[in-house]
C-alpha atoms as a PDB file:
ATOM      1  CA  MET A   1     -65.218 -33.964 194.347  1.00  0.00           C
ATOM      2  CA  ALA A   2     -61.852 -33.323 195.991  1.00  0.00           C
ATOM      3  CA  PRO A   3     -61.015 -35.876 198.749  1.00  0.00           C
ATOM      4  CA  LYS A   4     -60.643 -34.703 202.309  1.00  0.00           C
ATOM      5  CA  VAL A   5     -57.966 -36.757 204.187  1.00  0.00           C
ATOM      6  CA  ALA A   6     -57.413 -36.939 207.910  1.00  0.00           C
ATOM      7  CA  VAL A   7     -54.171 -37.667 209.692  1.00  0.00           C
ATOM      8  CA  GLY A   8     -53.252 -37.147 213.310  1.00  0.00           C
ATOM      9  CA  GLY A   9     -50.557 -37.209 215.933  1.00  0.00           C
ATOM     10  CA  THR A  10     -48.293 -35.312 218.278  1.00  0.00           C
ATOM     11  CA  PHE A  11     -45.517 -34.723 215.809  1.00  0.00           C
ATOM     12  CA  ASP A  12     -42.782 -33.976 218.315  1.00  0.00           C
ATOM     13  CA  PRO A  13     -40.025 -34.371 217.328  1.00  0.00           C
ATOM     14  CA  ILE A  14     -40.987 -34.777 213.677  1.00  0.00           C
ATOM     15  CA  HIS A  15     -39.111 -37.803 212.145  1.00  0.00           C
ATOM     16  CA  ASP A  16     -39.059 -39.913 208.973  1.00  0.00           C
ATOM     17  CA  GLY A  17     -42.141 -41.953 210.137  1.00  0.00           C
ATOM     18  CA  HIS A  18     -44.150 -38.731 210.334  1.00  0.00           C
ATOM     19  CA  LEU A  19     -42.858 -37.677 206.914  1.00  0.00           C
ATOM     20  CA  ALA A  20     -43.971 -40.969 205.406  1.00  0.00           C
ATOM     21  CA  LEU A  21     -47.437 -40.546 207.048  1.00  0.00           C
ATOM     22  CA  LEU A  22     -47.795 -36.991 205.743  1.00  0.00           C
ATOM     23  CA  LYS A  23     -46.498 -37.860 202.305  1.00  0.00           C
ATOM     24  CA  LYS A  24     -49.108 -40.616 202.095  1.00  0.00           C
ATOM     25  CA  ALA A  25     -51.873 -38.224 203.210  1.00  0.00           C
ATOM     26  CA  PHE A  26     -50.974 -35.725 200.460  1.00  0.00           C
ATOM     27  CA  GLU A  27     -50.850 -38.546 197.851  1.00  0.00           C
ATOM     28  CA  VAL A  28     -54.286 -39.767 198.867  1.00  0.00           C
ATOM     29  CA  ALA A  29     -55.611 -36.244 198.763  1.00  0.00           C
ATOM     30  CA  GLY A  30     -54.277 -35.613 195.295  1.00  0.00           C
ATOM     31  CA  ASP A  31     -53.634 -32.293 193.745  1.00  0.00           C
ATOM     32  CA  ASP A  32     -57.022 -30.859 194.549  1.00  0.00           C
ATOM     33  CA  GLY A  33     -57.806 -32.548 197.846  1.00  0.00           C
ATOM     34  CA  GLU A  34     -57.470 -31.264 201.330  1.00  0.00           C
ATOM     35  CA  VAL A  35     -55.390 -32.773 204.209  1.00  0.00           C
ATOM     36  CA  VAL A  36     -56.572 -32.098 207.786  1.00  0.00           C
ATOM     37  CA  ILE A  37     -53.840 -32.701 210.354  1.00  0.00           C
ATOM     38  CA  ALA A  38     -55.161 -33.227 213.840  1.00  0.00           C
ATOM     39  CA  LEU A  39     -52.391 -32.251 216.172  1.00  0.00           C
ATOM     40  CA  THR A  40     -52.792 -33.344 219.820  1.00  0.00           C
ATOM     41  CA  SER A  41     -53.610 -30.723 222.396  1.00  0.00           C
ATOM     42  CA  ASP A  42     -51.043 -29.993 225.091  1.00  0.00           C
ATOM     43  CA  ARG A  43     -53.095 -31.848 227.598  1.00  0.00           C
ATOM     44  CA  MET A  44     -53.641 -34.880 225.418  1.00  0.00           C
ATOM     45  CA  ALA A  45     -49.939 -34.953 224.336  1.00  0.00           C
ATOM     46  CA  THR A  46     -48.519 -34.794 227.845  1.00  0.00           C
ATOM     47  CA  SER A  47     -51.006 -37.231 229.343  1.00  0.00           C
ATOM     48  CA  GLN A  48     -49.967 -39.938 226.781  1.00  0.00           C
ATOM     49  CA  ARG A  49     -46.194 -39.578 227.044  1.00  0.00           C
ATOM     50  CA  ASN A  50     -43.418 -40.169 229.650  1.00  0.00           C
ATOM     51  CA  ARG A  51     -41.249 -37.588 228.065  1.00  0.00           C
ATOM     52  CA  PRO A  52     -41.357 -33.819 227.444  1.00  0.00           C
ATOM     53  CA  VAL A  53     -43.437 -32.549 224.598  1.00  0.00           C
ATOM     54  CA  ARG A  54     -43.200 -29.074 223.085  1.00  0.00           C
ATOM     55  CA  ASN A  55     -46.301 -26.899 223.415  1.00  0.00           C
ATOM     56  CA  PHE A  56     -49.066 -26.870 220.826  1.00  0.00           C
ATOM     57  CA  GLU A  57     -48.044 -23.556 219.197  1.00  0.00           C
ATOM     58  CA  THR A  58     -44.369 -24.652 218.813  1.00  0.00           C
ATOM     59  CA  ARG A  59     -45.519 -27.944 217.279  1.00  0.00           C
ATOM     60  CA  VAL A  60     -47.745 -26.095 214.783  1.00  0.00           C
ATOM     61  CA  LEU A  61     -44.868 -23.880 213.713  1.00  0.00           C
ATOM     62  CA  ASN A  62     -42.520 -26.916 213.345  1.00  0.00           C
ATOM     63  CA  LEU A  63     -45.211 -28.824 211.392  1.00  0.00           C
ATOM     64  CA  LYS A  64     -45.813 -25.920 209.027  1.00  0.00           C
ATOM     65  CA  ALA A  65     -42.077 -25.468 208.358  1.00  0.00           C
ATOM     66  CA  THR A  66     -41.611 -29.182 207.776  1.00  0.00           C
ATOM     67  CA  LEU A  67     -44.532 -29.287 205.343  1.00  0.00           C
ATOM     68  CA  LYS A  68     -43.203 -26.370 203.362  1.00  0.00           C
ATOM     69  CA  GLU A  69     -39.638 -27.659 203.376  1.00  0.00           C
ATOM     70  CA  ASN A  70     -40.403 -31.269 202.512  1.00  0.00           C
ATOM     71  CA  PHE A  71     -43.554 -31.093 200.400  1.00  0.00           C
ATOM     72  CA  GLY A  72     -43.939 -27.476 199.290  1.00  0.00           C
ATOM     73  CA  VAL A  73     -47.619 -27.750 200.141  1.00  0.00           C
ATOM     74  CA  GLU A  74     -50.021 -25.150 201.330  1.00  0.00           C
ATOM     75  CA  ARG A  75     -53.319 -27.059 200.990  1.00  0.00           C
ATOM     76  CA  PHE A  76     -53.663 -28.316 204.508  1.00  0.00           C
ATOM     77  CA  LYS A  77     -55.442 -27.458 207.649  1.00  0.00           C
ATOM     78  CA  ILE A  78     -54.166 -28.026 211.233  1.00  0.00           C
ATOM     79  CA  GLU A  79     -56.711 -28.513 213.972  1.00  0.00           C
ATOM     80  CA  MET A  80     -56.322 -29.235 217.643  1.00  0.00           C
ATOM     81  CA  LEU A  81     -57.046 -32.784 218.670  1.00  0.00           C
ATOM     82  CA  HIS A  82     -58.705 -33.057 222.059  1.00  0.00           C
ATOM     83  CA  THR A  83     -59.801 -36.720 221.847  1.00  0.00           C
ATOM     84  CA  ILE A  84     -58.409 -39.742 220.047  1.00  0.00           C
ATOM     85  CA  TYR A  85     -61.265 -39.417 217.483  1.00  0.00           C
ATOM     86  CA  GLY A  86     -61.183 -35.682 216.852  1.00  0.00           C
ATOM     87  CA  SER A  87     -63.502 -34.390 214.058  1.00  0.00           C
ATOM     88  CA  ALA A  88     -63.267 -37.571 212.083  1.00  0.00           C
ATOM     89  CA  ILE A  89     -66.399 -38.970 213.822  1.00  0.00           C
ATOM     90  CA  GLU A  90     -68.522 -36.061 212.751  1.00  0.00           C
ATOM     91  CA  GLU A  91     -67.192 -34.286 209.691  1.00  0.00           C
ATOM     92  CA  ASP A  92     -67.116 -35.225 206.082  1.00  0.00           C
ATOM     93  CA  TYR A  93     -63.823 -37.070 205.365  1.00  0.00           C
ATOM     94  CA  ASP A  94     -63.017 -39.512 202.708  1.00  0.00           C
ATOM     95  CA  ALA A  95     -59.955 -41.181 204.151  1.00  0.00           C
ATOM     96  CA  ILE A  96     -57.711 -41.478 207.149  1.00  0.00           C
ATOM     97  CA  VAL A  97     -53.956 -42.241 207.002  1.00  0.00           C
ATOM     98  CA  VAL A  98     -52.581 -44.316 209.918  1.00  0.00           C
ATOM     99  CA  SER A  99     -49.620 -46.297 211.146  1.00  0.00           C
ATOM    100  CA  PRO A 100     -49.934 -49.811 212.516  1.00  0.00           C
ATOM    101  CA  GLU A 101     -50.062 -48.250 215.954  1.00  0.00           C
ATOM    102  CA  THR A 102     -53.126 -46.045 215.125  1.00  0.00           C
ATOM    103  CA  GLU A 103     -55.023 -48.342 212.789  1.00  0.00           C
ATOM    104  CA  PRO A 104     -57.248 -49.669 215.610  1.00  0.00           C
ATOM    105  CA  ILE A 105     -58.316 -46.064 216.370  1.00  0.00           C
ATOM    106  CA  ALA A 106     -59.350 -45.611 212.766  1.00  0.00           C
ATOM    107  CA  CYS A 107     -61.432 -48.792 212.956  1.00  0.00           C
ATOM    108  CA  ASN A 108     -63.149 -47.349 216.012  1.00  0.00           C
ATOM    109  CA  ILE A 109     -63.655 -44.077 214.176  1.00  0.00           C
ATOM    110  CA  ASN A 110     -65.500 -45.950 211.407  1.00  0.00           C
ATOM    111  CA  GLU A 111     -67.769 -47.682 214.023  1.00  0.00           C
ATOM    112  CA  VAL A 112     -68.724 -44.342 215.487  1.00  0.00           C
ATOM    113  CA  ARG A 113     -69.217 -42.881 211.998  1.00  0.00           C
ATOM    114  CA  ARG A 114     -71.601 -45.792 211.185  1.00  0.00           C
ATOM    115  CA  GLU A 115     -73.561 -45.080 214.409  1.00  0.00           C
ATOM    116  CA  ASN A 116     -73.761 -41.463 213.376  1.00  0.00           C
ATOM    117  CA  ARG A 117     -74.962 -42.493 209.943  1.00  0.00           C
ATOM    118  CA  LEU A 118     -71.790 -41.269 208.104  1.00  0.00           C
ATOM    119  CA  HIS A 119     -69.950 -43.174 205.464  1.00  0.00           C
ATOM    120  CA  PRO A 120     -66.939 -45.093 206.769  1.00  0.00           C
ATOM    121  CA  LEU A 121     -63.523 -43.651 206.021  1.00  0.00           C
ATOM    122  CA  LYS A 122     -61.092 -45.457 203.656  1.00  0.00           C
ATOM    123  CA  ILE A 123     -58.288 -46.510 205.977  1.00  0.00           C
ATOM    124  CA  VAL A 124     -54.869 -46.083 204.328  1.00  0.00           C
ATOM    125  CA  ARG A 125     -52.122 -47.802 206.400  1.00  0.00           C
ATOM    126  CA  ILE A 126     -48.452 -47.154 205.975  1.00  0.00           C
ATOM    127  CA  GLU A 127     -45.818 -49.411 207.557  1.00  0.00           C
ATOM    128  CA  TYR A 128     -43.443 -48.196 210.189  1.00  0.00           C
ATOM    129  CA  GLN A 129     -40.300 -46.537 209.082  1.00  0.00           C
ATOM    130  CA  MET A 130     -37.407 -48.541 210.428  1.00  0.00           C
ATOM    131  CA  ALA A 131     -34.145 -47.181 211.939  1.00  0.00           C
ATOM    132  CA  GLU A 132     -30.813 -48.566 210.805  1.00  0.00           C
ATOM    133  CA  ASP A 133     -31.011 -51.083 213.759  1.00  0.00           C
ATOM    134  CA  GLU A 134     -34.307 -52.483 212.362  1.00  0.00           C
ATOM    135  CA  VAL A 135     -36.297 -51.088 215.220  1.00  0.00           C
ATOM    136  CA  ARG A 136     -39.044 -48.647 214.320  1.00  0.00           C
ATOM    137  CA  ILE A 137     -38.316 -44.898 214.366  1.00  0.00           C
ATOM    138  CA  SER A 138     -40.174 -43.189 217.135  1.00  0.00           C
ATOM    139  CA  SER A 139     -40.077 -39.810 218.881  1.00  0.00           C
ATOM    140  CA  THR A 140     -39.449 -41.576 222.156  1.00  0.00           C
ATOM    141  CA  ARG A 141     -36.328 -43.219 220.766  1.00  0.00           C
ATOM    142  CA  ILE A 142     -35.154 -39.926 219.346  1.00  0.00           C
ATOM    143  CA  CYS A 143     -35.749 -38.091 222.668  1.00  0.00           C
ATOM    144  CA  GLY A 144     -33.874 -40.907 224.508  1.00  0.00           C
ATOM    145  CA  GLY A 145     -30.854 -40.357 222.303  1.00  0.00           C
ATOM    146  CA  GLU A 146     -31.004 -43.795 220.703  1.00  0.00           C
ATOM    147  CA  ILE A 147     -31.457 -42.514 217.084  1.00  0.00           C
ATOM    148  CA  ASP A 148     -31.812 -39.305 215.160  1.00  0.00           C
ATOM    149  CA  SER A 149     -34.917 -38.285 213.205  1.00  0.00           C
ATOM    150  CA  HIS A 150     -33.874 -40.321 210.166  1.00  0.00           C
ATOM    151  CA  GLY A 151     -33.188 -43.517 212.162  1.00  0.00           C
ATOM    152  CA  LYS A 152     -29.458 -43.262 212.357  1.00  0.00           C
ATOM    153  CA  VAL A 153     -28.280 -44.975 215.533  1.00  0.00           C
ATOM    154  CA  SER A 154     -26.415 -42.847 217.936  1.00  0.00           C
ATOM    155  CA  HIS A 155     -22.787 -43.890 218.405  1.00  0.00           C
ATOM    156  CA  SER A 156     -23.008 -43.427 222.137  1.00  0.00           C
ATOM    157  CA  LYS A 157     -25.827 -45.997 222.251  1.00  0.00           C
ATOM    158  CA  MET A 158     -24.272 -48.583 219.859  1.00  0.00           C
ATOM    159  CA  VAL A 159     -23.431 -51.878 221.385  1.00  0.00           C
ATOM    160  CA  VAL A 160     -19.919 -53.102 220.518  1.00  0.00           C
END
């Protein structure tokens, strides 16, 4: 049976850390599996951030373009994420791909799944992608002008 893999986030702006997360999800799904990308709703995205976030529709378009450009894949589904758990607590998934930041949420998802008499998800954790200054790449750092989406430090922010 083809694996169904969950991954989630705000994905704005998309950076190398997101690409690593998505790449791992497609690896886990294999050639015949499905990746379900839970993209945070506008309300959820803006309530969790102290910076502007593009609207859901724009983030969907950017995510689709990124997936096509970087992976050439078409076997994915994007759903709106309204809670930190999304459909992972009730639907039939096999695995979830997470970063160190989101791993505790995946553990909570498995607790709820057990309570709902569903099999626990295999939790696949990737490590943070580091910028050239050895601090993790994040959308907040990109929006703040510290680094670009590949982790290259902005010359205007370099300490001399």
